[in-house]
Amino acid sequence: MTVARNVWGFIETRDHRLMRRVHRWRAPRWFRIWMIMATRCGDGWLWYALAAILLTYGGPARFVAVGSASLAVGIGICIFKILKSASHRPRPCQLEPHCWSAILPPDQFSFPSGHSITAFAIAICLGMFYPQLLDILMIAAVCIAASRIILGMHFLSDVVAGSAIGASLGYGCFRLFA
């Protein structure tokens, strides 16, 4: 138990140090716009639009690919809800004010990042079905995950955990249905 407590203390100390740096950094205007756009893309509309495009033009694998990604996201949301209710970890924006971001969090707790789970589940799953899209999907997923830290919605460990969960689910659903 003390080993786990020491490891968690180590992670939390680094998370809080990074949070203070991020919250005090006055980013250039173009970067602020980019991060807000990235986080808004992760709210869901980008994924719905991508699904509609793939269902229309995605070739013979379209139904399996979109279905697999949807399953990965669905499982991810279930895991996300269980972990959020169990962790009760406050968000960085609740602990310290951010110098420029005024985005309101979608819920009260921080761990894990649901945006990261969803982004990586979709990026990995659809990227495996459509390798020509993998690079752009991974760039989008990384931007969405980074935006959650930069905007004060999550700690680094929340985003890393969410990204790992999402990537695992995306790969698992691809392997299950490919």
N, C-alpha and C. Protein backbone atom coordinates (compact mmCIF):
# COMPACT_ATOMS: atom_id res chain seq x y z
N MET A 1 0.82 -1.19 0.00
CA MET A 1 0.00 0.00 0.00
C MET A 1 0.87 1.26 0.00
N THR A 2 1.97 1.25 0.74
CA THR A 2 2.82 2.45 0.78
C THR A 2 3.54 2.65 -0.55
N VAL A 3 3.85 1.57 -1.26
CA VAL A 3 4.48 1.72 -2.57
C VAL A 3 3.52 2.42 -3.53
N ALA A 4 2.27 1.98 -3.54
CA ALA A 4 1.26 2.61 -4.40
C ALA A 4 1.07 4.07 -4.01
N ARG A 5 1.04 4.35 -2.72
CA ARG A 5 0.87 5.72 -2.25
C ARG A 5 2.07 6.58 -2.66
N ASN A 6 3.29 6.02 -2.57
CA ASN A 6 4.50 6.75 -2.98
C ASN A 6 4.50 7.02 -4.48
N VAL A 7 4.09 6.03 -5.26
CA VAL A 7 4.04 6.19 -6.72
C VAL A 7 3.00 7.26 -7.06
N TRP A 8 1.81 7.16 -6.45
CA TRP A 8 0.77 8.15 -6.73
C TRP A 8 1.22 9.54 -6.29
N GLY A 9 1.90 9.63 -5.16
CA GLY A 9 2.42 10.93 -4.70
C GLY A 9 3.42 11.51 -5.68
N PHE A 10 4.28 10.67 -6.22
CA PHE A 10 5.26 11.09 -7.23
C PHE A 10 4.56 11.64 -8.46
N ILE A 11 3.55 10.90 -8.95
CA ILE A 11 2.80 11.32 -10.14
C ILE A 11 2.06 12.63 -9.86
N GLU A 12 1.39 12.70 -8.72
CA GLU A 12 0.60 13.88 -8.40
C GLU A 12 1.47 15.12 -8.23
N THR A 13 2.65 14.96 -7.65
CA THR A 13 3.57 16.10 -7.51
C THR A 13 3.95 16.65 -8.87
N ARG A 14 4.29 15.77 -9.80
CA ARG A 14 4.66 16.20 -11.15
C ARG A 14 3.46 16.81 -11.88
N ASP A 15 2.29 16.21 -11.69
CA ASP A 15 1.08 16.75 -12.31
C ASP A 15 0.81 18.18 -11.84
N HIS A 16 0.94 18.41 -10.55
CA HIS A 16 0.67 19.75 -10.00
C HIS A 16 1.72 20.76 -10.44
N ARG A 17 2.96 20.32 -10.55
CA ARG A 17 4.02 21.21 -11.03
C ARG A 17 3.75 21.65 -12.47
N LEU A 18 3.39 20.68 -13.32
CA LEU A 18 3.07 21.01 -14.71
C LEU A 18 1.82 21.89 -14.78
N MET A 19 0.82 21.59 -13.95
CA MET A 19 -0.40 22.39 -13.93
C MET A 19 -0.08 23.86 -13.63
N ARG A 20 0.75 24.11 -12.64
CA ARG A 20 1.08 25.49 -12.29
C ARG A 20 1.79 26.18 -13.44
N ARG A 21 2.68 25.49 -14.13
CA ARG A 21 3.37 26.09 -15.28
C ARG A 21 2.39 26.42 -16.40
N VAL A 22 1.52 25.48 -16.71
CA VAL A 22 0.56 25.66 -17.79
C VAL A 22 -0.42 26.79 -17.44
N HIS A 23 -0.90 26.80 -16.23
CA HIS A 23 -1.89 27.80 -15.84
C HIS A 23 -1.34 29.22 -15.81
N ARG A 24 -0.05 29.36 -15.70
CA ARG A 24 0.56 30.70 -15.67
C ARG A 24 1.14 31.13 -17.01
N TRP A 25 1.18 30.21 -17.98
CA TRP A 25 1.77 30.51 -19.28
C TRP A 25 0.75 31.25 -20.14
N ARG A 26 1.10 32.38 -20.59
CA ARG A 26 0.24 33.17 -21.49
C ARG A 26 0.64 32.81 -22.92
N ALA A 27 -0.02 31.82 -23.46
CA ALA A 27 0.31 31.30 -24.79
C ALA A 27 -0.01 32.33 -25.87
N PRO A 28 0.69 32.25 -27.01
CA PRO A 28 0.35 33.13 -28.14
C PRO A 28 -1.09 32.90 -28.59
N ARG A 29 -1.68 33.90 -29.17
CA ARG A 29 -3.09 33.86 -29.58
C ARG A 29 -3.37 32.69 -30.51
N TRP A 30 -2.50 32.45 -31.52
CA TRP A 30 -2.73 31.37 -32.47
C TRP A 30 -2.77 30.02 -31.75
N PHE A 31 -1.93 29.85 -30.72
CA PHE A 31 -1.87 28.59 -29.98
C PHE A 31 -3.13 28.41 -29.15
N ARG A 32 -3.60 29.50 -28.53
CA ARG A 32 -4.84 29.43 -27.75
C ARG A 32 -6.02 29.02 -28.63
N ILE A 33 -6.10 29.62 -29.81
CA ILE A 33 -7.18 29.28 -30.74
C ILE A 33 -7.08 27.81 -31.16
N TRP A 34 -5.87 27.36 -31.46
CA TRP A 34 -5.64 25.97 -31.86
C TRP A 34 -6.09 25.01 -30.77
N MET A 35 -5.75 25.29 -29.51
CA MET A 35 -6.11 24.40 -28.41
C MET A 35 -7.62 24.39 -28.16
N ILE A 36 -8.25 25.53 -28.28
CA ILE A 36 -9.71 25.58 -28.11
C ILE A 36 -10.40 24.83 -29.23
N MET A 37 -9.91 25.00 -30.47
CA MET A 37 -10.49 24.26 -31.60
C MET A 37 -10.27 22.76 -31.44
N ALA A 38 -9.10 22.36 -30.97
CA ALA A 38 -8.82 20.93 -30.78
C ALA A 38 -9.76 20.33 -29.75
N THR A 39 -9.94 21.02 -28.64
CA THR A 39 -10.81 20.47 -27.60
C THR A 39 -12.26 20.41 -28.07
N ARG A 40 -12.67 21.41 -28.86
CA ARG A 40 -14.04 21.40 -29.42
C ARG A 40 -14.20 20.27 -30.44
N CYS A 41 -13.16 19.97 -31.21
CA CYS A 41 -13.21 18.83 -32.14
C CYS A 41 -13.44 17.53 -31.37
N GLY A 42 -12.83 17.45 -30.19
CA GLY A 42 -12.97 16.25 -29.36
C GLY A 42 -14.30 16.14 -28.66
N ASP A 43 -15.14 17.18 -28.75
CA ASP A 43 -16.47 17.13 -28.12
C ASP A 43 -17.41 16.14 -28.80
N GLY A 44 -17.09 15.71 -30.00
CA GLY A 44 -17.88 14.68 -30.66
C GLY A 44 -18.24 14.96 -32.10
N TRP A 45 -18.42 16.22 -32.46
CA TRP A 45 -18.90 16.50 -33.82
C TRP A 45 -17.93 16.03 -34.89
N LEU A 46 -16.62 16.11 -34.62
CA LEU A 46 -15.63 15.65 -35.59
C LEU A 46 -15.79 14.15 -35.85
N TRP A 47 -16.04 13.39 -34.78
CA TRP A 47 -16.16 11.94 -34.91
C TRP A 47 -17.45 11.56 -35.64
N TYR A 48 -18.53 12.30 -35.38
CA TYR A 48 -19.78 12.03 -36.11
C TYR A 48 -19.62 12.33 -37.60
N ALA A 49 -18.96 13.44 -37.90
CA ALA A 49 -18.73 13.80 -39.30
C ALA A 49 -17.84 12.76 -39.99
N LEU A 50 -16.81 12.31 -39.29
CA LEU A 50 -15.92 11.29 -39.85
C LEU A 50 -16.69 9.99 -40.10
N ALA A 51 -17.53 9.60 -39.16
CA ALA A 51 -18.34 8.38 -39.34
C ALA A 51 -19.25 8.51 -40.54
N ALA A 52 -19.88 9.68 -40.70
CA ALA A 52 -20.78 9.89 -41.85
C ALA A 52 -20.01 9.81 -43.16
N ILE A 53 -18.83 10.40 -43.20
CA ILE A 53 -18.01 10.37 -44.42
C ILE A 53 -17.59 8.94 -44.73
N LEU A 54 -17.14 8.21 -43.71
CA LEU A 54 -16.70 6.83 -43.94
C LEU A 54 -17.86 5.93 -44.33
N LEU A 55 -19.03 6.14 -43.72
CA LEU A 55 -20.18 5.32 -44.10
C LEU A 55 -20.61 5.59 -45.54
N THR A 56 -20.35 6.78 -46.02
CA THR A 56 -20.71 7.14 -47.39
C THR A 56 -19.65 6.70 -48.39
N TYR A 57 -18.37 6.94 -48.06
CA TYR A 57 -17.29 6.72 -49.03
C TYR A 57 -16.24 5.70 -48.58
N GLY A 58 -16.48 4.98 -47.51
CA GLY A 58 -15.45 4.14 -46.89
C GLY A 58 -15.22 2.78 -47.49
N GLY A 59 -15.89 2.45 -48.57
CA GLY A 59 -15.65 1.17 -49.22
C GLY A 59 -16.27 0.00 -48.47
N PRO A 60 -15.83 -1.21 -48.81
CA PRO A 60 -16.47 -2.41 -48.25
C PRO A 60 -16.29 -2.58 -46.74
N ALA A 61 -15.27 -2.00 -46.17
CA ALA A 61 -15.02 -2.17 -44.73
C ALA A 61 -15.72 -1.13 -43.87
N ARG A 62 -16.51 -0.26 -44.50
CA ARG A 62 -17.05 0.90 -43.78
C ARG A 62 -17.91 0.53 -42.58
N PHE A 63 -18.80 -0.43 -42.71
CA PHE A 63 -19.69 -0.76 -41.61
C PHE A 63 -18.94 -1.42 -40.45
N VAL A 64 -18.02 -2.30 -40.79
CA VAL A 64 -17.22 -2.95 -39.75
C VAL A 64 -16.31 -1.94 -39.07
N ALA A 65 -15.71 -1.05 -39.83
CA ALA A 65 -14.79 -0.06 -39.27
C ALA A 65 -15.51 0.89 -38.33
N VAL A 66 -16.61 1.47 -38.77
CA VAL A 66 -17.36 2.42 -37.94
C VAL A 66 -17.99 1.69 -36.75
N GLY A 67 -18.46 0.49 -36.97
CA GLY A 67 -19.02 -0.30 -35.86
C GLY A 67 -17.97 -0.63 -34.81
N SER A 68 -16.77 -1.01 -35.26
CA SER A 68 -15.68 -1.31 -34.33
C SER A 68 -15.28 -0.08 -33.53
N ALA A 69 -15.15 1.04 -34.20
CA ALA A 69 -14.79 2.28 -33.51
C ALA A 69 -15.89 2.68 -32.53
N SER A 70 -17.13 2.50 -32.91
CA SER A 70 -18.25 2.82 -32.02
C SER A 70 -18.25 1.93 -30.78
N LEU A 71 -17.95 0.67 -30.98
CA LEU A 71 -17.86 -0.25 -29.84
C LEU A 71 -16.73 0.16 -28.91
N ALA A 72 -15.58 0.49 -29.47
CA ALA A 72 -14.44 0.92 -28.66
C ALA A 72 -14.80 2.16 -27.84
N VAL A 73 -15.47 3.11 -28.46
CA VAL A 73 -15.89 4.33 -27.76
C VAL A 73 -16.93 4.00 -26.69
N GLY A 74 -17.87 3.15 -27.01
CA GLY A 74 -18.90 2.77 -26.04
C GLY A 74 -18.31 2.12 -24.79
N ILE A 75 -17.40 1.20 -25.00
CA ILE A 75 -16.72 0.56 -23.86
C ILE A 75 -15.90 1.60 -23.11
N GLY A 76 -15.24 2.47 -23.86
CA GLY A 76 -14.44 3.53 -23.24
C GLY A 76 -15.27 4.44 -22.35
N ILE A 77 -16.47 4.78 -22.81
CA ILE A 77 -17.35 5.64 -22.01
C ILE A 77 -17.76 4.93 -20.73
N CYS A 78 -18.03 3.65 -20.80
CA CYS A 78 -18.37 2.88 -19.59
C CYS A 78 -17.21 2.88 -18.60
N ILE A 79 -16.01 2.61 -19.09
CA ILE A 79 -14.82 2.61 -18.24
C ILE A 79 -14.60 4.00 -17.65
N PHE A 80 -14.76 5.01 -18.48
CA PHE A 80 -14.60 6.41 -18.08
C PHE A 80 -15.55 6.74 -16.93
N LYS A 81 -16.81 6.38 -17.05
CA LYS A 81 -17.79 6.69 -16.00
C LYS A 81 -17.47 5.97 -14.70
N ILE A 82 -17.04 4.73 -14.78
CA ILE A 82 -16.68 3.97 -13.58
C ILE A 82 -15.48 4.59 -12.89
N LEU A 83 -14.43 4.89 -13.66
CA LEU A 83 -13.22 5.47 -13.08
C LEU A 83 -13.44 6.87 -12.54
N LYS A 84 -14.24 7.68 -13.25
CA LYS A 84 -14.53 9.04 -12.77
C LYS A 84 -15.23 9.00 -11.42
N SER A 85 -16.23 8.14 -11.30
CA SER A 85 -16.98 8.09 -10.05
C SER A 85 -16.15 7.49 -8.92
N ALA A 86 -15.18 6.67 -9.25
CA ALA A 86 -14.33 6.06 -8.21
C ALA A 86 -13.19 6.99 -7.79
N SER A 87 -12.66 7.78 -8.71
CA SER A 87 -11.46 8.56 -8.40
C SER A 87 -11.75 9.84 -7.64
N HIS A 88 -12.81 10.54 -8.01
CA HIS A 88 -13.14 11.83 -7.38
C HIS A 88 -11.97 12.80 -7.39
N ARG A 89 -11.13 12.74 -8.38
CA ARG A 89 -9.97 13.64 -8.48
C ARG A 89 -10.43 14.99 -9.02
N PRO A 90 -10.17 16.08 -8.29
CA PRO A 90 -10.60 17.40 -8.79
C PRO A 90 -9.82 17.80 -10.04
N ARG A 91 -10.44 18.63 -10.84
CA ARG A 91 -9.81 19.12 -12.06
C ARG A 91 -8.80 20.21 -11.72
N PRO A 92 -7.78 20.38 -12.58
CA PRO A 92 -6.80 21.44 -12.35
C PRO A 92 -7.44 22.82 -12.26
N CYS A 93 -8.46 23.07 -13.07
CA CYS A 93 -9.11 24.39 -13.06
C CYS A 93 -9.87 24.64 -11.77
N GLN A 94 -10.15 23.61 -11.00
CA GLN A 94 -10.79 23.77 -9.70
C GLN A 94 -9.77 24.07 -8.60
N LEU A 95 -8.52 23.70 -8.84
CA LEU A 95 -7.48 23.89 -7.84
C LEU A 95 -6.78 25.24 -7.97
N GLU A 96 -6.63 25.69 -9.20
CA GLU A 96 -5.91 26.94 -9.45
C GLU A 96 -6.48 27.59 -10.70
N PRO A 97 -6.72 28.90 -10.66
CA PRO A 97 -7.27 29.57 -11.85
C PRO A 97 -6.27 29.57 -13.01
N HIS A 98 -6.82 29.49 -14.19
CA HIS A 98 -6.03 29.50 -15.42
C HIS A 98 -5.92 30.95 -15.89
N CYS A 99 -4.77 31.35 -16.43
CA CYS A 99 -4.57 32.76 -16.79
C CYS A 99 -5.34 33.20 -18.04
N TRP A 100 -5.74 32.27 -18.93
CA TRP A 100 -6.46 32.70 -20.14
C TRP A 100 -7.61 31.79 -20.55
N SER A 101 -7.66 30.57 -20.10
CA SER A 101 -8.72 29.66 -20.52
C SER A 101 -9.94 29.80 -19.61
N ALA A 102 -11.09 29.97 -20.22
CA ALA A 102 -12.33 30.10 -19.47
C ALA A 102 -13.33 29.02 -19.87
N ILE A 103 -12.85 27.93 -20.46
CA ILE A 103 -13.73 26.83 -20.85
C ILE A 103 -14.22 26.13 -19.59
N LEU A 104 -15.50 25.83 -19.56
CA LEU A 104 -16.08 25.15 -18.40
C LEU A 104 -15.95 23.65 -18.57
N PRO A 105 -15.62 22.94 -17.49
CA PRO A 105 -15.49 21.48 -17.59
C PRO A 105 -16.85 20.82 -17.76
N PRO A 106 -16.88 19.68 -18.48
CA PRO A 106 -18.15 18.99 -18.70
C PRO A 106 -18.69 18.28 -17.46
N ASP A 107 -17.81 17.98 -16.52
CA ASP A 107 -18.23 17.35 -15.27
C ASP A 107 -17.26 17.75 -14.16
N GLN A 108 -17.44 17.17 -12.99
CA GLN A 108 -16.70 17.62 -11.82
C GLN A 108 -15.31 17.01 -11.68
N PHE A 109 -15.13 15.78 -12.12
CA PHE A 109 -13.89 15.06 -11.82
C PHE A 109 -12.96 14.95 -13.02
N SER A 110 -11.69 14.72 -12.73
CA SER A 110 -10.63 14.82 -13.73
C SER A 110 -10.17 13.49 -14.30
N PHE A 111 -10.09 12.44 -13.51
CA PHE A 111 -9.45 11.19 -13.94
C PHE A 111 -10.46 10.17 -14.37
N PRO A 112 -10.28 9.60 -15.56
CA PRO A 112 -9.37 9.87 -16.67
C PRO A 112 -10.00 10.86 -17.65
N SER A 113 -9.26 11.19 -18.69
CA SER A 113 -9.76 12.12 -19.71
C SER A 113 -10.63 11.36 -20.71
N GLY A 114 -11.92 11.69 -20.72
CA GLY A 114 -12.84 11.07 -21.68
C GLY A 114 -12.56 11.49 -23.11
N HIS A 115 -12.13 12.76 -23.30
CA HIS A 115 -11.76 13.21 -24.64
C HIS A 115 -10.61 12.36 -25.18
N SER A 116 -9.62 12.06 -24.32
CA SER A 116 -8.47 11.27 -24.76
C SER A 116 -8.86 9.83 -25.04
N ILE A 117 -9.72 9.26 -24.21
CA ILE A 117 -10.19 7.89 -24.45
C ILE A 117 -10.84 7.81 -25.82
N THR A 118 -11.78 8.71 -26.07
CA THR A 118 -12.52 8.70 -27.33
C THR A 118 -11.61 8.96 -28.53
N ALA A 119 -10.76 9.97 -28.42
CA ALA A 119 -9.89 10.33 -29.55
C ALA A 119 -8.97 9.18 -29.93
N PHE A 120 -8.34 8.54 -28.95
CA PHE A 120 -7.40 7.47 -29.27
C PHE A 120 -8.12 6.17 -29.67
N ALA A 121 -9.28 5.90 -29.10
CA ALA A 121 -10.04 4.72 -29.51
C ALA A 121 -10.41 4.83 -30.99
N ILE A 122 -10.89 5.99 -31.38
CA ILE A 122 -11.28 6.19 -32.78
C ILE A 122 -10.05 6.24 -33.69
N ALA A 123 -9.03 6.98 -33.29
CA ALA A 123 -7.84 7.12 -34.14
C ALA A 123 -7.18 5.77 -34.41
N ILE A 124 -7.01 4.97 -33.37
CA ILE A 124 -6.34 3.68 -33.55
C ILE A 124 -7.23 2.73 -34.35
N CYS A 125 -8.49 2.62 -33.95
CA CYS A 125 -9.38 1.67 -34.62
C CYS A 125 -9.56 2.01 -36.10
N LEU A 126 -9.97 3.24 -36.38
CA LEU A 126 -10.18 3.61 -37.78
C LEU A 126 -8.87 3.68 -38.55
N GLY A 127 -7.79 4.09 -37.88
CA GLY A 127 -6.49 4.13 -38.52
C GLY A 127 -5.97 2.76 -38.92
N MET A 128 -6.37 1.73 -38.18
CA MET A 128 -5.98 0.37 -38.54
C MET A 128 -6.80 -0.13 -39.75
N PHE A 129 -8.06 0.26 -39.81
CA PHE A 129 -8.89 -0.11 -40.97
C PHE A 129 -8.51 0.69 -42.22
N TYR A 130 -8.15 1.96 -42.00
CA TYR A 130 -7.79 2.85 -43.10
C TYR A 130 -6.39 3.42 -42.84
N PRO A 131 -5.35 2.67 -43.17
CA PRO A 131 -3.98 3.11 -42.86
C PRO A 131 -3.61 4.47 -43.46
N GLN A 132 -4.23 4.83 -44.56
CA GLN A 132 -3.95 6.14 -45.17
C GLN A 132 -4.44 7.28 -44.30
N LEU A 133 -5.32 7.03 -43.34
CA LEU A 133 -5.83 8.06 -42.43
C LEU A 133 -5.12 8.06 -41.07
N LEU A 134 -4.30 7.05 -40.83
CA LEU A 134 -3.72 6.89 -39.49
C LEU A 134 -2.94 8.12 -39.02
N ASP A 135 -2.10 8.67 -39.86
CA ASP A 135 -1.28 9.83 -39.44
C ASP A 135 -2.15 11.02 -39.03
N ILE A 136 -3.12 11.36 -39.85
CA ILE A 136 -3.95 12.53 -39.54
C ILE A 136 -4.83 12.26 -38.32
N LEU A 137 -5.30 11.03 -38.17
CA LEU A 137 -6.10 10.70 -36.99
C LEU A 137 -5.26 10.75 -35.71
N MET A 138 -4.02 10.32 -35.79
CA MET A 138 -3.14 10.37 -34.62
C MET A 138 -2.79 11.82 -34.27
N ILE A 139 -2.57 12.65 -35.27
CA ILE A 139 -2.30 14.07 -35.01
C ILE A 139 -3.52 14.69 -34.33
N ALA A 140 -4.71 14.38 -34.82
CA ALA A 140 -5.93 14.92 -34.20
C ALA A 140 -6.06 14.44 -32.77
N ALA A 141 -5.80 13.16 -32.51
CA ALA A 141 -5.92 12.61 -31.15
C ALA A 141 -4.91 13.25 -30.20
N VAL A 142 -3.68 13.43 -30.65
CA VAL A 142 -2.65 14.06 -29.82
C VAL A 142 -3.01 15.52 -29.53
N CYS A 143 -3.50 16.23 -30.54
CA CYS A 143 -3.91 17.63 -30.32
C CYS A 143 -5.06 17.73 -29.34
N ILE A 144 -6.03 16.84 -29.45
CA ILE A 144 -7.16 16.85 -28.53
C ILE A 144 -6.67 16.55 -27.11
N ALA A 145 -5.84 15.54 -26.96
CA ALA A 145 -5.33 15.19 -25.63
C ALA A 145 -4.50 16.33 -25.04
N ALA A 146 -3.63 16.92 -25.83
CA ALA A 146 -2.79 18.03 -25.34
C ALA A 146 -3.66 19.23 -24.96
N SER A 147 -4.71 19.47 -25.72
CA SER A 147 -5.57 20.63 -25.42
C SER A 147 -6.23 20.50 -24.05
N ARG A 148 -6.50 19.30 -23.63
CA ARG A 148 -7.14 19.10 -22.33
C ARG A 148 -6.21 19.50 -21.19
N ILE A 149 -4.91 19.33 -21.38
CA ILE A 149 -3.92 19.76 -20.39
C ILE A 149 -3.74 21.27 -20.47
N ILE A 150 -3.53 21.77 -21.67
CA ILE A 150 -3.26 23.19 -21.88
C ILE A 150 -4.42 24.06 -21.39
N LEU A 151 -5.65 23.60 -21.56
CA LEU A 151 -6.82 24.38 -21.17
C LEU A 151 -7.20 24.21 -19.70
N GLY A 152 -6.43 23.41 -18.97
CA GLY A 152 -6.67 23.25 -17.53
C GLY A 152 -7.79 22.30 -17.17
N MET A 153 -8.18 21.44 -18.09
CA MET A 153 -9.26 20.49 -17.82
C MET A 153 -8.75 19.21 -17.17
N HIS A 154 -7.49 18.85 -17.47
CA HIS A 154 -6.94 17.59 -16.97
C HIS A 154 -5.48 17.73 -16.61
N PHE A 155 -5.04 16.83 -15.75
CA PHE A 155 -3.62 16.67 -15.45
C PHE A 155 -3.01 15.77 -16.52
N LEU A 156 -1.69 15.80 -16.62
CA LEU A 156 -0.99 14.95 -17.59
C LEU A 156 -1.33 13.47 -17.38
N SER A 157 -1.35 13.01 -16.14
CA SER A 157 -1.64 11.59 -15.88
C SER A 157 -3.06 11.21 -16.30
N ASP A 158 -4.01 12.13 -16.22
CA ASP A 158 -5.38 11.85 -16.68
C ASP A 158 -5.39 11.58 -18.18
N VAL A 159 -4.63 12.40 -18.90
CA VAL A 159 -4.58 12.30 -20.36
C VAL A 159 -3.80 11.06 -20.79
N VAL A 160 -2.71 10.77 -20.11
CA VAL A 160 -1.92 9.57 -20.44
C VAL A 160 -2.76 8.31 -20.20
N ALA A 161 -3.44 8.26 -19.06
CA ALA A 161 -4.29 7.10 -18.76
C ALA A 161 -5.42 6.99 -19.78
N GLY A 162 -6.08 8.10 -20.08
CA GLY A 162 -7.16 8.08 -21.06
C GLY A 162 -6.68 7.66 -22.44
N SER A 163 -5.53 8.16 -22.83
CA SER A 163 -4.97 7.80 -24.14
C SER A 163 -4.63 6.31 -24.20
N ALA A 164 -4.06 5.77 -23.14
CA ALA A 164 -3.71 4.34 -23.10
C ALA A 164 -4.97 3.48 -23.13
N ILE A 165 -5.98 3.86 -22.37
CA ILE A 165 -7.25 3.12 -22.38
C ILE A 165 -7.86 3.16 -23.78
N GLY A 166 -7.93 4.34 -24.36
CA GLY A 166 -8.52 4.48 -25.69
C GLY A 166 -7.76 3.72 -26.76
N ALA A 167 -6.43 3.82 -26.74
CA ALA A 167 -5.62 3.10 -27.73
C ALA A 167 -5.80 1.59 -27.59
N SER A 168 -5.83 1.11 -26.36
CA SER A 168 -6.03 -0.33 -26.12
C SER A 168 -7.39 -0.79 -26.63
N LEU A 169 -8.41 -0.02 -26.34
CA LEU A 169 -9.76 -0.38 -26.80
C LEU A 169 -9.85 -0.32 -28.33
N GLY A 170 -9.26 0.72 -28.93
CA GLY A 170 -9.29 0.85 -30.38
C GLY A 170 -8.60 -0.33 -31.05
N TYR A 171 -7.43 -0.70 -30.54
CA TYR A 171 -6.70 -1.83 -31.12
C TYR A 171 -7.44 -3.13 -30.88
N GLY A 172 -7.98 -3.29 -29.67
CA GLY A 172 -8.72 -4.51 -29.34
C GLY A 172 -9.95 -4.70 -30.23
N CYS A 173 -10.69 -3.63 -30.45
CA CYS A 173 -11.89 -3.73 -31.30
C CYS A 173 -11.51 -3.95 -32.75
N PHE A 174 -10.40 -3.36 -33.19
CA PHE A 174 -9.93 -3.64 -34.55
C PHE A 174 -9.59 -5.12 -34.70
N ARG A 175 -8.84 -5.66 -33.75
CA ARG A 175 -8.44 -7.07 -33.82
C ARG A 175 -9.66 -8.00 -33.75
N LEU A 176 -10.65 -7.58 -32.99
CA LEU A 176 -11.85 -8.40 -32.84
C LEU A 176 -12.65 -8.49 -34.13
N PHE A 177 -12.70 -7.40 -34.90
CA PHE A 177 -13.56 -7.36 -36.08
C PHE A 177 -12.84 -7.37 -37.41
N ALA A 178 -11.51 -7.22 -37.42
CA ALA A 178 -10.78 -7.15 -38.69
C ALA A 178 -10.78 -8.50 -39.39
